[in-house]
């Protein structure tokens, strides 16, 4: 397994739409494993392939609580097949928009169809943090960042803070 570099906004790859994988073969399974290791190393709860520069529809998530055993999930070609009418706000952050957080309103629960690491089609129902995380990562596959759900004013403020933070890191 390998820890891969995570792209940071405004990298142009983050705004591109990812292509479906034909099947989960050894290469895609290795990609999933590397993404999981990268996500854990960055202390994230989700990671999409475009965030590491791979324009394929692959995400990994793990929303286990501190002190609990890890519960990694690896999903290829995830698609939301149902979303609840009830919407909930949740504070979100992103490994590609480091140290920036904002409330995003999303469906409270979703049903997702995907291909697992054994190339089997599966469905799962998710609510709470898992639903938020899966929706956030699927957004990445469509070239959407969580800041794109904010008002233009709020989005611009966050992105300016991020650019300032990146400049001060580069000059340090």
Protein backbone atom coordinates (compact mmCIF):
# COMPACT_ATOMS: atom_id res chain seq x y z
CA UNK A 1 0.00 0.00 0.00
CA UNK A 2 1.08 3.58 -0.56
CA UNK A 3 0.32 7.00 0.85
CA UNK A 4 -0.48 9.29 -2.06
CA UNK A 5 -0.40 13.10 -2.31
CA UNK A 6 -3.80 14.78 -1.93
CA UNK A 7 -4.65 17.58 -4.37
CA UNK A 8 -5.67 20.90 -2.83
CA UNK A 9 -8.21 23.38 -4.27
CA UNK A 10 -8.10 25.11 -6.69
CA UNK A 11 -6.36 22.22 -8.51
CA UNK A 12 -8.20 21.81 -11.87
CA UNK A 13 -8.58 18.00 -11.56
CA UNK A 14 -10.90 18.57 -8.56
CA UNK A 15 -13.44 20.25 -10.88
CA UNK A 16 -13.51 17.42 -13.45
CA UNK A 17 -16.04 14.61 -13.66
CA UNK A 18 -14.64 11.11 -12.99
CA UNK A 19 -15.22 8.19 -15.37
CA UNK A 20 -16.85 4.90 -14.27
CA UNK A 21 -14.59 1.90 -13.71
CA UNK A 22 -15.39 -1.08 -15.94
CA UNK A 23 -14.77 -3.57 -13.15
CA UNK A 24 -13.00 -3.84 -9.84
CA UNK A 25 -9.89 -5.75 -10.84
CA UNK A 26 -6.53 -6.00 -9.08
CA UNK A 27 -5.52 -2.48 -10.18
CA UNK A 28 -8.73 -0.87 -8.85
CA UNK A 29 -8.56 -2.94 -5.65
CA UNK A 30 -4.98 -1.69 -5.12
CA UNK A 31 -6.15 1.88 -5.78
CA UNK A 32 -8.85 1.42 -3.09
CA UNK A 33 -6.28 0.11 -0.60
CA UNK A 34 -3.88 2.99 -1.34
CA UNK A 35 -6.72 5.52 -1.01
CA UNK A 36 -7.72 4.06 2.35
CA UNK A 37 -4.15 4.24 3.64
CA UNK A 38 -3.87 7.83 2.35
CA UNK A 39 -7.17 8.79 4.02
CA UNK A 40 -6.15 7.29 7.38
CA UNK A 41 -2.74 8.98 7.18
CA UNK A 42 -4.45 12.35 6.59
CA UNK A 43 -6.92 11.64 9.43
CA UNK A 44 -9.90 11.92 7.09
CA UNK A 45 -13.18 10.02 7.01
CA UNK A 46 -13.54 9.89 3.23
CA UNK A 47 -11.51 10.19 0.06
CA UNK A 48 -12.43 10.19 -3.63
CA UNK A 49 -10.06 9.15 -6.42
CA UNK A 50 -10.03 12.64 -8.04
CA UNK A 51 -8.52 13.98 -4.80
CA UNK A 52 -5.38 11.96 -5.59
CA UNK A 53 -5.46 12.88 -9.28
CA UNK A 54 -7.24 9.74 -10.55
CA UNK A 55 -10.39 10.54 -12.55
CA UNK A 56 -12.21 7.30 -11.77
CA UNK A 57 -15.44 6.80 -9.82
CA UNK A 58 -13.92 5.28 -6.68
CA UNK A 59 -14.41 6.40 -3.07
CA UNK A 60 -13.40 5.12 0.35
CA UNK A 61 -15.02 6.05 3.66
CA UNK A 62 -14.71 5.16 7.33
CA UNK A 63 -16.72 7.09 9.89
CA UNK A 64 -15.79 5.02 12.96
CA UNK A 65 -15.61 6.90 16.24
CA UNK A 66 -12.34 7.34 18.13
CA UNK A 67 -11.65 4.23 20.17
CA UNK A 68 -13.83 2.05 17.91
CA UNK A 69 -12.51 -0.49 15.45
CA UNK A 70 -12.06 0.80 11.89
CA UNK A 71 -14.94 0.12 9.47
CA UNK A 72 -13.49 0.83 6.03
CA UNK A 73 -15.79 0.89 3.01
CA UNK A 74 -14.55 0.78 -0.59
CA UNK A 75 -17.04 1.76 -3.29
CA UNK A 76 -16.63 1.85 -7.07
CA UNK A 77 -19.19 3.60 -9.28
CA UNK A 78 -21.32 4.68 -6.29
CA UNK A 79 -24.66 6.18 -7.17
CA UNK A 80 -27.44 7.49 -4.98
CA UNK A 81 -30.60 5.59 -5.90
CA UNK A 82 -32.77 7.17 -3.18
CA UNK A 83 -32.47 10.18 -0.88
CA UNK A 84 -34.74 11.17 1.99
CA UNK A 85 -36.85 14.29 1.69
CA UNK A 86 -35.66 15.35 5.13
CA UNK A 87 -32.60 17.60 4.93
CA UNK A 88 -30.08 18.19 7.71
CA UNK A 89 -27.22 20.65 8.09
CA UNK A 90 -23.83 19.22 9.01
CA UNK A 91 -20.45 20.86 9.42
CA UNK A 92 -18.18 19.57 6.66
CA UNK A 93 -14.50 19.81 5.95
CA UNK A 94 -12.38 18.31 3.19
CA UNK A 95 -8.85 17.00 2.77
CA UNK A 96 -8.67 19.03 -0.48
CA UNK A 97 -9.79 22.20 1.32
CA UNK A 98 -7.66 21.80 4.47
CA UNK A 99 -8.62 23.45 7.75
CA UNK A 100 -11.79 25.04 6.32
CA UNK A 101 -15.24 24.07 7.60
CA UNK A 102 -18.82 25.11 6.86
CA UNK A 103 -22.37 23.84 7.29
CA UNK A 104 -23.79 22.05 4.25
CA UNK A 105 -27.41 20.89 4.06
CA UNK A 106 -27.93 17.44 2.55
CA UNK A 107 -30.51 14.63 2.63
CA UNK A 108 -30.55 12.94 6.05
CA UNK A 109 -30.46 9.41 4.57
CA UNK A 110 -29.49 7.83 1.24
CA UNK A 111 -29.47 4.46 -0.48
CA UNK A 112 -26.36 3.87 -2.56
CA UNK A 113 -25.65 1.25 -5.23
CA UNK A 114 -21.98 0.47 -5.84
CA UNK A 115 -19.46 -2.20 -6.78
CA UNK A 116 -17.43 -3.58 -3.86
CA UNK A 117 -13.78 -4.68 -3.83
CA UNK A 118 -14.80 -8.20 -4.95
CA UNK A 119 -16.56 -6.71 -8.04
CA UNK A 120 -20.03 -7.48 -6.60
CA UNK A 121 -22.92 -5.02 -6.98
CA UNK A 122 -24.18 -3.97 -3.55
CA UNK A 123 -26.60 -1.50 -2.01
CA UNK A 124 -26.43 0.15 1.35
CA UNK A 125 -28.65 2.49 3.30
CA UNK A 126 -26.85 5.18 5.20
CA UNK A 127 -27.87 7.95 7.56
CA UNK A 128 -26.08 10.34 9.89
CA UNK A 129 -22.39 10.96 9.31
CA UNK A 130 -22.07 8.01 6.90
CA UNK A 131 -24.77 9.50 4.62
CA UNK A 132 -23.08 12.92 4.72
CA UNK A 133 -19.66 11.43 3.98
CA UNK A 134 -20.87 9.32 1.06
CA UNK A 135 -22.71 12.28 -0.49
CA UNK A 136 -19.63 14.48 -0.04
CA UNK A 137 -17.37 11.91 -1.74
CA UNK A 138 -19.82 11.30 -4.61
CA UNK A 139 -19.82 15.07 -5.14
CA UNK A 140 -16.04 14.83 -5.71
CA UNK A 141 -16.67 12.29 -8.48
CA UNK A 142 -18.81 14.94 -10.19
CA UNK A 143 -16.27 17.75 -9.82
CA UNK A 144 -18.13 19.34 -6.90
CA UNK A 145 -16.48 20.50 -3.66
CA UNK A 146 -18.41 21.08 -0.43
CA UNK A 147 -17.73 24.81 -0.81
CA UNK A 148 -19.77 24.74 -4.04
CA UNK A 149 -22.87 24.21 -1.85
CA UNK A 150 -22.24 27.51 -0.04
CA UNK A 151 -23.27 31.04 -0.99
CA UNK A 152 -20.79 32.76 -3.29
CA UNK A 153 -19.78 35.12 -0.46
CA UNK A 154 -19.08 32.29 2.00
CA UNK A 155 -17.32 30.18 -0.67
CA UNK A 156 -15.05 33.06 -1.69
CA UNK A 157 -14.19 33.81 1.95
CA UNK A 158 -13.21 30.18 2.60
CA UNK A 159 -11.18 29.90 -0.61
CA UNK A 160 -9.35 33.17 0.12
CA UNK A 161 -8.50 31.88 3.62
CA UNK A 162 -7.23 28.65 2.05
CA UNK A 163 -5.06 30.53 -0.48
CA UNK A 164 -3.62 32.72 2.27
CA UNK A 165 -2.88 29.62 4.36
CA UNK A 166 -1.18 27.94 1.36
CA UNK A 167 0.95 31.05 0.65
CA UNK A 168 2.11 31.27 4.27
CA UNK A 169 3.00 27.52 4.23
CA UNK A 170 4.97 27.99 1.01
CA UNK A 171 6.94 30.94 2.40
CA UNK A 172 7.69 29.23 5.74
